[in-house]
Amino acid sequence: MTTAFDFSATAIDGQPLALSQYAGKVLLIVNVASKCGFTPQYAGLQQLWREYRERGLVVLGFPCDQFGQQEPGDEAAIREFCSLNFEVDFPMSAKVEVNGEGAHPLWQWLKQEKGGLLGIDAIKWNFTKFLVGRDGQVRERFAPTTAPGSLRDDIEAALG
């Protein structure tokens, strides 16, 4: 059986990012962008990371430029923006695609595991969130409009 921990990506600093290093932890996987109406959610994601990382939560940001070109910068610009504006220090990947033929394999799998509303699996916009349990299976999918702070009960349940 495939789990989230079977995937890897390239980290925002260009290094390999094997999700296997997070085996046994709870993951909150989010496609992010710097110039989106939902960009202030970075603050909430960072707060969840600070609050729950000692208990086993890992927030993972995947910058994506597929929605209105709202992530136009390169990885260095993205990292600087996130650090300066939101003090983000949770792990982030290099830019990925989440839809279409070029979609990152992790995102293909996430969408397959938890489809969207009305049976439409495609990611609709930036800041779609997937909560993955300690077993590596997708527990829940949350819409871009879902504020990170409202995920606390689901995170607590996943952490056990």
Protein backbone atom coordinates (compact mmCIF):
# COMPACT_ATOMS: atom_id res chain seq x y z
CA MET A 1 0.00 0.00 0.00
CA THR A 2 1.28 3.45 -0.91
CA THR A 3 1.68 6.05 1.84
CA ALA A 4 2.74 9.68 1.84
CA PHE A 5 6.08 8.53 3.23
CA ASP A 6 6.85 6.75 -0.07
CA PHE A 7 7.26 10.06 -1.92
CA SER A 8 10.10 12.50 -2.26
CA ALA A 9 10.51 15.98 -3.64
CA THR A 10 13.17 18.63 -3.96
CA ALA A 11 13.42 20.94 -0.96
CA ILE A 12 13.28 24.70 -1.49
CA ASP A 13 17.08 24.80 -0.98
CA GLY A 14 17.59 22.28 -3.81
CA GLN A 15 18.37 19.33 -1.53
CA PRO A 16 16.46 16.03 -1.67
CA LEU A 17 13.34 15.96 0.49
CA ALA A 18 12.38 12.37 1.30
CA LEU A 19 9.05 12.20 3.09
CA SER A 20 10.23 8.90 4.60
CA GLN A 21 12.11 11.02 7.16
CA TYR A 22 8.70 11.95 8.58
CA ALA A 23 7.41 8.36 8.91
CA GLY A 24 5.25 8.07 12.01
CA LYS A 25 4.49 11.78 12.10
CA VAL A 26 1.32 13.65 11.12
CA LEU A 27 1.69 15.73 7.96
CA LEU A 28 -0.20 18.84 6.91
CA ILE A 29 0.59 19.19 3.20
CA VAL A 30 -0.35 22.51 1.60
CA ASN A 31 0.11 24.05 -1.86
CA VAL A 32 1.19 27.62 -1.15
CA ALA A 33 1.72 30.89 -3.04
CA SER A 34 3.17 34.29 -2.15
CA LYS A 35 0.78 36.57 -4.02
CA CYS A 36 -2.59 35.01 -3.25
CA GLY A 37 -5.54 36.28 -1.24
CA PHE A 38 -4.93 33.31 1.06
CA THR A 39 -1.21 34.07 1.53
CA PRO A 40 -1.83 35.36 5.10
CA GLN A 41 -2.57 31.70 5.96
CA TYR A 42 1.21 31.27 6.15
CA ALA A 43 0.95 32.83 9.62
CA GLY A 44 -1.58 30.23 10.72
CA LEU A 45 0.41 27.37 9.23
CA GLN A 46 3.54 28.59 11.02
CA GLN A 47 1.56 28.81 14.28
CA LEU A 48 0.36 25.20 13.90
CA TRP A 49 3.97 24.13 13.21
CA ARG A 50 5.20 25.91 16.36
CA GLU A 51 2.35 24.59 18.46
CA TYR A 52 2.37 20.92 17.42
CA ARG A 53 5.78 19.98 16.01
CA GLU A 54 7.02 18.65 19.35
CA ARG A 55 4.02 16.29 19.35
CA GLY A 56 4.73 15.07 15.83
CA LEU A 57 3.12 17.45 13.32
CA VAL A 58 5.08 18.42 10.22
CA VAL A 59 3.72 21.23 8.06
CA LEU A 60 4.96 20.88 4.47
CA GLY A 61 4.57 23.76 2.01
CA PHE A 62 4.62 23.11 -1.73
CA PRO A 63 4.85 26.39 -3.69
CA CYS A 64 2.80 26.29 -6.87
CA ASP A 65 2.39 28.80 -9.71
CA GLN A 66 -0.59 27.13 -11.43
CA PHE A 67 -3.27 29.48 -10.10
CA GLY A 68 -3.18 32.98 -11.52
CA GLN A 69 0.64 33.03 -11.56
CA GLN A 70 0.55 33.84 -7.85
CA GLU A 71 3.95 32.27 -7.18
CA PRO A 72 6.13 33.93 -9.83
CA GLY A 73 9.46 33.99 -7.98
CA ASP A 74 12.22 31.42 -7.86
CA GLU A 75 12.90 29.33 -4.76
CA ALA A 76 15.26 31.91 -3.24
CA ALA A 77 12.63 34.64 -3.59
CA ILE A 78 9.92 32.40 -2.15
CA ARG A 79 12.06 31.43 0.84
CA GLU A 80 12.99 35.07 1.51
CA PHE A 81 9.36 36.23 1.23
CA CYS A 82 8.13 33.53 3.63
CA SER A 83 10.89 34.14 6.12
CA LEU A 84 10.65 37.94 6.16
CA ASN A 85 6.86 38.21 6.14
CA PHE A 86 5.74 35.17 8.15
CA GLU A 87 8.88 33.81 9.87
CA VAL A 88 8.21 30.48 8.12
CA ASP A 89 10.64 27.77 9.11
CA PHE A 90 8.56 24.67 8.38
CA PRO A 91 9.86 22.49 5.52
CA MET A 92 9.07 23.64 1.99
CA SER A 93 9.67 22.14 -1.42
CA ALA A 94 10.83 23.67 -4.64
CA LYS A 95 7.95 24.82 -6.87
CA VAL A 96 5.70 22.02 -8.08
CA GLU A 97 2.63 21.54 -10.23
CA VAL A 98 -0.38 20.05 -8.47
CA ASN A 99 -2.67 19.57 -11.49
CA GLY A 100 -2.27 18.35 -15.03
CA GLU A 101 0.21 16.03 -16.69
CA GLY A 102 3.13 17.66 -14.88
CA ALA A 103 1.59 17.25 -11.42
CA HIS A 104 4.07 16.06 -8.80
CA PRO A 105 3.48 12.35 -7.99
CA LEU A 106 2.69 13.17 -4.34
CA TRP A 107 -0.07 15.51 -5.45
CA GLN A 108 -1.42 12.98 -7.94
CA TRP A 109 -1.65 10.49 -5.08
CA LEU A 110 -3.17 12.97 -2.60
CA LYS A 111 -5.96 13.85 -5.05
CA GLN A 112 -6.60 10.17 -5.76
CA GLU A 113 -6.85 9.41 -2.05
CA LYS A 114 -9.18 12.31 -1.16
CA GLY A 115 -11.16 13.78 -4.02
CA GLY A 116 -12.68 17.20 -3.91
CA LEU A 117 -16.28 18.31 -3.80
CA LEU A 118 -18.68 16.90 -6.39
CA GLY A 119 -16.15 14.21 -7.31
CA ILE A 120 -13.78 16.74 -8.86
CA ASP A 121 -10.30 15.76 -7.78
CA ALA A 122 -8.36 18.70 -9.23
CA ILE A 123 -6.86 21.16 -6.78
CA LYS A 124 -9.02 24.27 -7.12
CA TRP A 125 -6.68 26.91 -5.75
CA ASN A 126 -3.69 27.72 -3.55
CA PHE A 127 -3.76 26.65 0.09
CA THR A 128 -5.62 23.37 -0.37
CA LYS A 129 -4.63 21.29 2.64
CA PHE A 130 -4.25 17.54 3.16
CA LEU A 131 -3.94 16.05 6.64
CA VAL A 132 -2.01 12.77 6.65
CA GLY A 133 -2.03 10.47 9.66
CA ARG A 134 0.90 8.77 11.35
CA ASP A 135 0.21 5.75 9.12
CA GLY A 136 0.89 7.85 6.02
CA GLN A 137 -2.72 7.73 4.84
CA VAL A 138 -4.76 10.82 3.95
CA ARG A 139 -7.25 11.56 6.70
CA GLU A 140 -8.83 14.72 5.35
CA ARG A 141 -8.77 17.31 2.58
CA PHE A 142 -9.52 20.95 3.37
CA ALA A 143 -10.50 23.76 1.02
CA PRO A 144 -8.33 26.85 0.48
CA THR A 145 -10.89 28.86 2.47
CA THR A 146 -10.38 26.67 5.56
CA ALA A 147 -8.28 28.68 8.02
CA PRO A 148 -5.31 26.77 9.47
CA GLY A 149 -6.43 27.55 13.03
CA SER A 150 -9.70 25.70 12.47
CA LEU A 151 -7.75 22.45 11.89
CA ARG A 152 -6.71 22.06 15.53
CA ASP A 153 -9.34 19.43 16.42
CA ASP A 154 -8.45 17.35 13.36
CA ILE A 155 -4.73 17.68 14.10
CA GLU A 156 -5.27 16.72 17.75
CA ALA A 157 -7.23 13.64 16.63
CA ALA A 158 -4.50 12.66 14.17
CA LEU A 159 -1.77 13.12 16.76
CA GLY A 160 -3.69 10.83 19.12
